Amino acid sequence: MFKIFFISIITVATVHAQLKVPALSPYSTTTQTVGLTDITLEYSRPSKRNRIIFGEKGIIPFGELWRTGANAATKISFSNDLTIFNTTIKKGSYAILTKPGQSTWEIHFYPYESGTWNSYVNKKPIASFNTKSIQKNDVSESFLIYIDTITLDSAKLLFTWDTTKIILPLKLKTHEKTMANIKKILSGPSNFDYFQAALYLHEAQQDLDTALAYIQKVTNVENPLFFQVYRESLILADLNRKTEAISVAKRSLELSKKAGNKDLIRLNEKNIKKWSR
């Protein structure tokens, strides 16, 4: 009898654990690209439901910190650095807490640590902004955070609920990043690109002459890296150019000694001995 009763309890608990009901403040996540920067918003959206929202008689009093949404802490993430009111915000994720006021709001950014919004209350924000509280004619039933007025290097971060709207201007370094990308691409492959190409061709044992040409673009410099010179010696050996392979291996050996890399010291010494037979 006890066993049957125990199983019944487990069955009821399992059924209850699977019950899903609609959230009064549904979770929202959106990502907006501005120029070359992705901005992601994660928060919950409470609704007005015939209530007074802000002020003395509202559910969110003036002058008190608010989670800026519902449930967990509101999170915003930037894939690149940007500026807000000339203050630099580094790329990363932040929790947003606000202090609503009748004429102005305080917007506080904290390095994101968890969804527990109360954990940020006694911490110092990495950046704070005061911005005007704008009263609009229409009513926003559900709280909304969104990105608007998008250009190549700027946008506005907006918070709106009921008849209140708050705006933060975002400025991004799109032009600088774009020009850096253009210069990098137009300048041709980097040493790393050539090394990766040579490594692939050698490991695949395909077109070793091209692999040698690529690796020598990397090693024919004043201060090559010991492991790149080592790879050149291996390619030369596989091309049956043993005399050159020994000379290059000796160069790699000296560089390996300077770098203190015992593995490459041992391998170069072994190869020099093998190829000298």
Protein backbone atom coordinates (compact mmCIF):
# COMPACT_ATOMS: atom_id res chain seq x y z
CA MET A 1 0.00 0.00 0.00
CA PHE A 2 2.81 2.41 0.92
CA LYS A 3 4.59 1.60 -2.35
CA ILE A 4 1.46 2.41 -4.38
CA PHE A 5 0.94 5.67 -2.43
CA PHE A 6 4.61 6.66 -2.97
CA ILE A 7 4.36 6.01 -6.73
CA SER A 8 1.17 8.10 -6.84
CA ILE A 9 2.98 11.03 -5.23
CA ILE A 10 5.82 10.81 -7.76
CA THR A 11 3.33 10.66 -10.63
CA VAL A 12 1.46 13.74 -9.39
CA ALA A 13 4.73 15.65 -8.82
CA THR A 14 5.90 14.78 -12.33
CA VAL A 15 2.63 15.97 -13.85
CA HIS A 16 2.85 19.25 -11.92
CA ALA A 17 6.50 19.74 -12.91
CA GLN A 18 5.47 19.61 -16.58
CA LEU A 19 2.69 22.19 -16.23
CA LYS A 20 3.31 25.30 -18.32
CA VAL A 21 1.31 28.50 -18.03
CA PRO A 22 1.73 31.77 -19.93
CA ALA A 23 4.00 34.34 -18.28
CA LEU A 24 2.50 37.65 -17.21
CA SER A 25 5.79 39.30 -18.20
CA PRO A 26 7.06 37.26 -21.18
CA TYR A 27 10.76 36.94 -21.89
CA SER A 28 12.13 38.72 -24.95
CA THR A 29 15.44 38.53 -26.75
CA THR A 30 16.37 40.56 -29.82
CA THR A 31 19.59 41.24 -31.69
CA GLN A 32 20.07 44.31 -33.82
CA THR A 33 23.13 44.93 -35.98
CA VAL A 34 24.31 48.53 -36.19
CA GLY A 35 27.17 48.95 -38.64
CA LEU A 36 29.51 46.12 -37.64
CA THR A 37 28.22 45.79 -34.07
CA ASP A 38 25.61 43.34 -32.76
CA ILE A 39 23.50 44.62 -29.87
CA THR A 40 21.51 41.95 -28.01
CA LEU A 41 18.72 42.68 -25.53
CA GLU A 42 17.43 40.06 -23.06
CA TYR A 43 14.66 41.05 -20.64
CA SER A 44 11.08 40.42 -19.54
CA ARG A 45 8.18 42.64 -20.61
CA PRO A 46 5.58 43.55 -17.95
CA SER A 47 2.27 45.04 -19.09
CA LYS A 48 0.29 48.04 -17.84
CA ARG A 49 -2.98 46.16 -17.20
CA ASN A 50 -4.90 49.33 -16.23
CA ARG A 51 -2.34 50.22 -13.57
CA ILE A 52 -0.55 53.51 -12.91
CA ILE A 53 3.07 52.74 -13.76
CA PHE A 54 5.42 55.55 -12.67
CA GLY A 55 5.31 58.01 -9.78
CA GLU A 56 3.96 58.32 -6.26
CA LYS A 57 0.83 56.30 -6.99
CA GLY A 58 2.50 54.00 -9.49
CA ILE A 59 3.92 50.51 -9.15
CA ILE A 60 7.41 51.96 -9.86
CA PRO A 61 8.06 54.96 -7.56
CA PHE A 62 10.27 57.83 -8.65
CA GLY A 63 13.75 57.85 -7.13
CA GLU A 64 14.04 54.10 -6.55
CA LEU A 65 16.17 51.61 -8.46
CA TRP A 66 14.20 49.46 -10.86
CA ARG A 67 15.24 46.25 -12.62
CA THR A 68 14.10 47.84 -15.90
CA GLY A 69 11.71 45.09 -16.79
CA ALA A 70 10.45 42.12 -14.82
CA ASN A 71 11.72 38.85 -13.37
CA ALA A 72 15.50 38.56 -13.94
CA ALA A 73 17.92 41.42 -14.48
CA THR A 74 17.76 43.08 -17.88
CA LYS A 75 20.83 42.23 -19.96
CA ILE A 76 22.39 44.07 -22.89
CA SER A 77 25.39 42.85 -24.89
CA PHE A 78 27.66 44.66 -27.36
CA SER A 79 29.97 42.84 -29.80
CA ASN A 80 32.21 45.93 -30.12
CA ASP A 81 33.11 48.97 -28.06
CA LEU A 82 30.81 51.97 -28.36
CA THR A 83 30.12 55.28 -26.66
CA ILE A 84 27.07 56.63 -24.86
CA PHE A 85 27.12 60.36 -24.19
CA ASN A 86 30.89 60.30 -24.89
CA THR A 87 31.46 57.55 -22.28
CA THR A 88 33.15 54.45 -23.69
CA ILE A 89 31.38 51.15 -23.04
CA LYS A 90 33.61 48.16 -23.76
CA LYS A 91 32.28 45.19 -25.68
CA GLY A 92 30.65 42.65 -23.39
CA SER A 93 27.44 42.09 -21.42
CA TYR A 94 25.86 44.44 -18.89
CA ALA A 95 22.94 44.48 -16.49
CA ILE A 96 20.82 47.63 -16.70
CA LEU A 97 19.17 49.16 -13.65
CA THR A 98 17.35 52.48 -13.83
CA LYS A 99 16.09 55.09 -11.40
CA PRO A 100 12.99 56.71 -12.91
CA GLY A 101 12.26 60.35 -12.15
CA GLN A 102 9.54 62.80 -13.11
CA SER A 103 11.74 64.80 -15.47
CA THR A 104 14.94 62.72 -15.76
CA TRP A 105 16.00 59.09 -15.42
CA GLU A 106 19.28 57.61 -14.22
CA ILE A 107 20.51 54.69 -16.34
CA HIS A 108 23.13 52.43 -14.69
CA PHE A 109 25.28 49.81 -16.43
CA TYR A 110 26.89 46.98 -14.41
CA PRO A 111 29.15 44.18 -15.69
CA TYR A 112 26.71 41.30 -16.08
CA GLU A 113 27.22 38.56 -13.48
CA SER A 114 23.85 36.91 -12.96
CA GLY A 115 20.13 37.34 -13.49
CA THR A 116 19.57 38.26 -9.83
CA TRP A 117 18.90 41.97 -10.18
CA ASN A 118 19.11 42.71 -6.44
CA SER A 119 22.77 41.63 -6.50
CA TYR A 120 23.63 44.84 -8.39
CA VAL A 121 21.86 47.31 -6.09
CA ASN A 122 24.79 47.85 -3.73
CA LYS A 123 27.47 47.69 -6.43
CA LYS A 124 29.05 50.61 -8.23
CA PRO A 125 28.00 50.82 -11.88
CA ILE A 126 30.72 51.05 -14.52
CA ALA A 127 28.75 53.86 -16.16
CA SER A 128 25.74 56.01 -15.30
CA PHE A 129 23.75 58.43 -17.44
CA ASN A 130 21.08 61.04 -16.80
CA THR A 131 18.59 61.45 -19.60
CA LYS A 132 15.35 63.33 -20.10
CA SER A 133 12.03 61.61 -19.45
CA ILE A 134 9.85 62.20 -22.53
CA GLN A 135 6.07 62.12 -22.24
CA LYS A 136 4.32 60.85 -25.35
CA ASN A 137 0.67 60.98 -26.40
CA ASP A 138 0.15 57.28 -27.08
CA VAL A 139 0.25 54.49 -24.50
CA SER A 140 2.66 51.54 -24.70
CA GLU A 141 0.79 48.67 -23.05
CA SER A 142 3.88 46.46 -22.62
CA PHE A 143 7.34 47.60 -21.56
CA LEU A 144 9.69 47.69 -24.53
CA ILE A 145 13.42 48.18 -25.08
CA TYR A 146 14.53 48.55 -28.67
CA ILE A 147 17.11 49.99 -31.06
CA ASP A 148 15.99 52.64 -33.53
CA THR A 149 17.21 55.51 -35.74
CA ILE A 150 19.94 53.26 -37.11
CA THR A 151 22.76 54.65 -39.28
CA LEU A 152 26.09 53.13 -40.24
CA ASP A 153 27.75 54.34 -37.03
CA SER A 154 24.99 55.37 -34.63
CA ALA A 155 21.62 54.38 -33.19
CA LYS A 156 19.31 55.10 -30.28
CA LEU A 157 18.56 52.78 -27.39
CA LEU A 158 14.97 53.38 -26.28
CA PHE A 159 12.95 52.36 -23.24
CA THR A 160 9.20 52.92 -23.36
CA TRP A 161 6.25 52.03 -21.18
CA ASP A 162 2.87 53.65 -20.65
CA THR A 163 3.36 57.27 -21.82
CA THR A 164 7.06 57.49 -20.90
CA LYS A 165 9.98 57.21 -23.30
CA ILE A 166 13.72 57.31 -22.52
CA ILE A 167 16.46 57.63 -25.15
CA LEU A 168 20.20 56.87 -24.98
CA PRO A 169 22.35 57.81 -28.01
CA LEU A 170 24.80 55.13 -29.16
CA LYS A 171 27.89 55.98 -31.20
CA LEU A 172 29.97 53.26 -32.84
CA LYS A 173 33.41 53.23 -34.48
CA THR A 174 32.12 51.63 -37.66
CA HIS A 175 34.26 53.65 -40.06
CA GLU A 176 37.49 52.93 -38.21
CA LYS A 177 36.76 49.18 -38.05
CA THR A 178 35.70 49.08 -41.69
CA MET A 179 38.86 50.85 -42.85
CA ALA A 180 40.98 48.48 -40.75
CA ASN A 181 39.24 45.51 -42.40
CA ILE A 182 39.70 47.01 -45.87
CA LYS A 183 43.41 47.65 -45.29
CA LYS A 184 43.90 44.13 -43.96
CA ILE A 185 42.19 42.48 -46.92
CA LEU A 186 43.77 44.70 -49.57
CA SER A 187 47.24 44.27 -48.09
CA GLY A 188 47.07 40.57 -49.00
CA PRO A 189 47.56 37.41 -46.95
CA SER A 190 49.33 37.65 -43.61
CA ASN A 191 52.29 35.52 -42.52
CA PHE A 192 49.84 33.46 -40.50
CA ASP A 193 47.73 32.82 -43.63
CA TYR A 194 50.78 31.66 -45.58
CA PHE A 195 51.90 29.43 -42.70
CA GLN A 196 48.45 27.84 -42.39
CA ALA A 197 48.33 27.21 -46.15
CA ALA A 198 51.82 25.65 -46.13
CA LEU A 199 50.92 23.53 -43.11
CA TYR A 200 47.80 22.20 -44.83
CA LEU A 201 49.54 21.36 -48.10
CA HIS A 202 52.40 19.63 -46.31
CA GLU A 203 50.18 17.59 -44.02
CA ALA A 204 48.02 16.63 -47.01
CA GLN A 205 51.18 15.85 -49.02
CA GLN A 206 49.81 17.91 -51.90
CA ASP A 207 51.70 20.38 -54.10
CA LEU A 208 54.82 20.54 -51.90
CA ASP A 209 56.51 23.06 -54.17
CA THR A 210 53.70 25.50 -53.42
CA ALA A 211 53.88 24.62 -49.73
CA LEU A 212 57.59 25.49 -49.81
CA ALA A 213 56.92 28.79 -51.57
CA TYR A 214 54.33 29.69 -48.92
CA ILE A 215 56.47 28.75 -45.94
CA GLN A 216 59.46 30.65 -47.28
CA LYS A 217 57.38 33.81 -47.44
CA VAL A 218 57.13 33.40 -43.67
CA THR A 219 60.67 32.24 -42.85
CA ASN A 220 62.66 34.55 -45.13
CA VAL A 221 62.46 37.38 -42.61
CA GLU A 222 64.80 38.73 -39.97
CA ASN A 223 63.13 37.08 -36.97
CA PRO A 224 61.18 33.98 -38.01
CA LEU A 225 59.52 31.69 -35.49
CA PHE A 226 61.36 28.46 -34.67
CA PHE A 227 58.41 26.17 -35.42
CA GLN A 228 57.83 27.79 -38.81
CA VAL A 229 61.47 27.24 -39.79
CA TYR A 230 61.13 23.66 -38.55
CA ARG A 231 58.19 23.17 -40.91
CA GLU A 232 60.29 24.50 -43.80
CA SER A 233 62.95 21.88 -43.07
CA LEU A 234 60.33 19.10 -43.15
CA ILE A 235 58.96 20.26 -46.49
CA LEU A 236 62.47 20.42 -47.98
CA ALA A 237 63.19 16.90 -46.74
CA ASP A 238 59.98 15.59 -48.31
CA LEU A 239 61.07 17.23 -51.57
CA ASN A 240 64.31 15.22 -51.22
CA ARG A 241 66.37 18.40 -50.88
CA LYS A 242 68.25 17.01 -47.89
CA THR A 243 71.24 19.41 -47.94
CA GLU A 244 68.92 22.42 -47.76
CA ALA A 245 66.75 20.66 -45.18
CA ILE A 246 69.78 20.16 -42.91
CA SER A 247 70.79 23.82 -43.22
CA VAL A 248 67.25 24.99 -42.37
CA ALA A 249 66.99 22.48 -39.50
CA LYS A 250 70.19 23.92 -38.01
CA ARG A 251 68.61 27.37 -38.19
CA SER A 252 65.48 26.06 -36.47
CA LEU A 253 67.66 24.38 -33.85
CA GLU A 254 69.31 27.66 -32.91
CA LEU A 255 65.96 29.45 -32.77
CA SER A 256 64.50 26.63 -30.68
CA LYS A 257 67.37 26.94 -28.21
CA LYS A 258 66.75 30.68 -27.90
CA ALA A 259 63.06 29.99 -27.33
CA GLY A 260 63.85 27.25 -24.82
CA ASN A 261 61.65 24.75 -26.61
CA LYS A 262 63.00 21.31 -25.69
CA ASP A 263 60.68 19.40 -28.03
CA LEU A 264 61.85 21.24 -31.15
CA ILE A 265 65.49 21.07 -30.00
CA ARG A 266 65.19 17.29 -29.81
CA LEU A 267 63.33 16.94 -33.10
CA ASN A 268 65.75 19.16 -35.02
CA GLU A 269 68.77 17.30 -33.66
CA LYS A 270 67.16 13.99 -34.62
CA ASN A 271 66.36 15.19 -38.16
CA ILE A 272 69.83 16.66 -38.74
CA LYS A 273 71.36 13.32 -37.78
CA LYS A 274 68.90 11.34 -39.95
CA TRP A 275 69.28 13.55 -43.03
CA SER A 276 73.08 13.62 -42.76
CA ARG A 277 73.41 9.86 -43.32
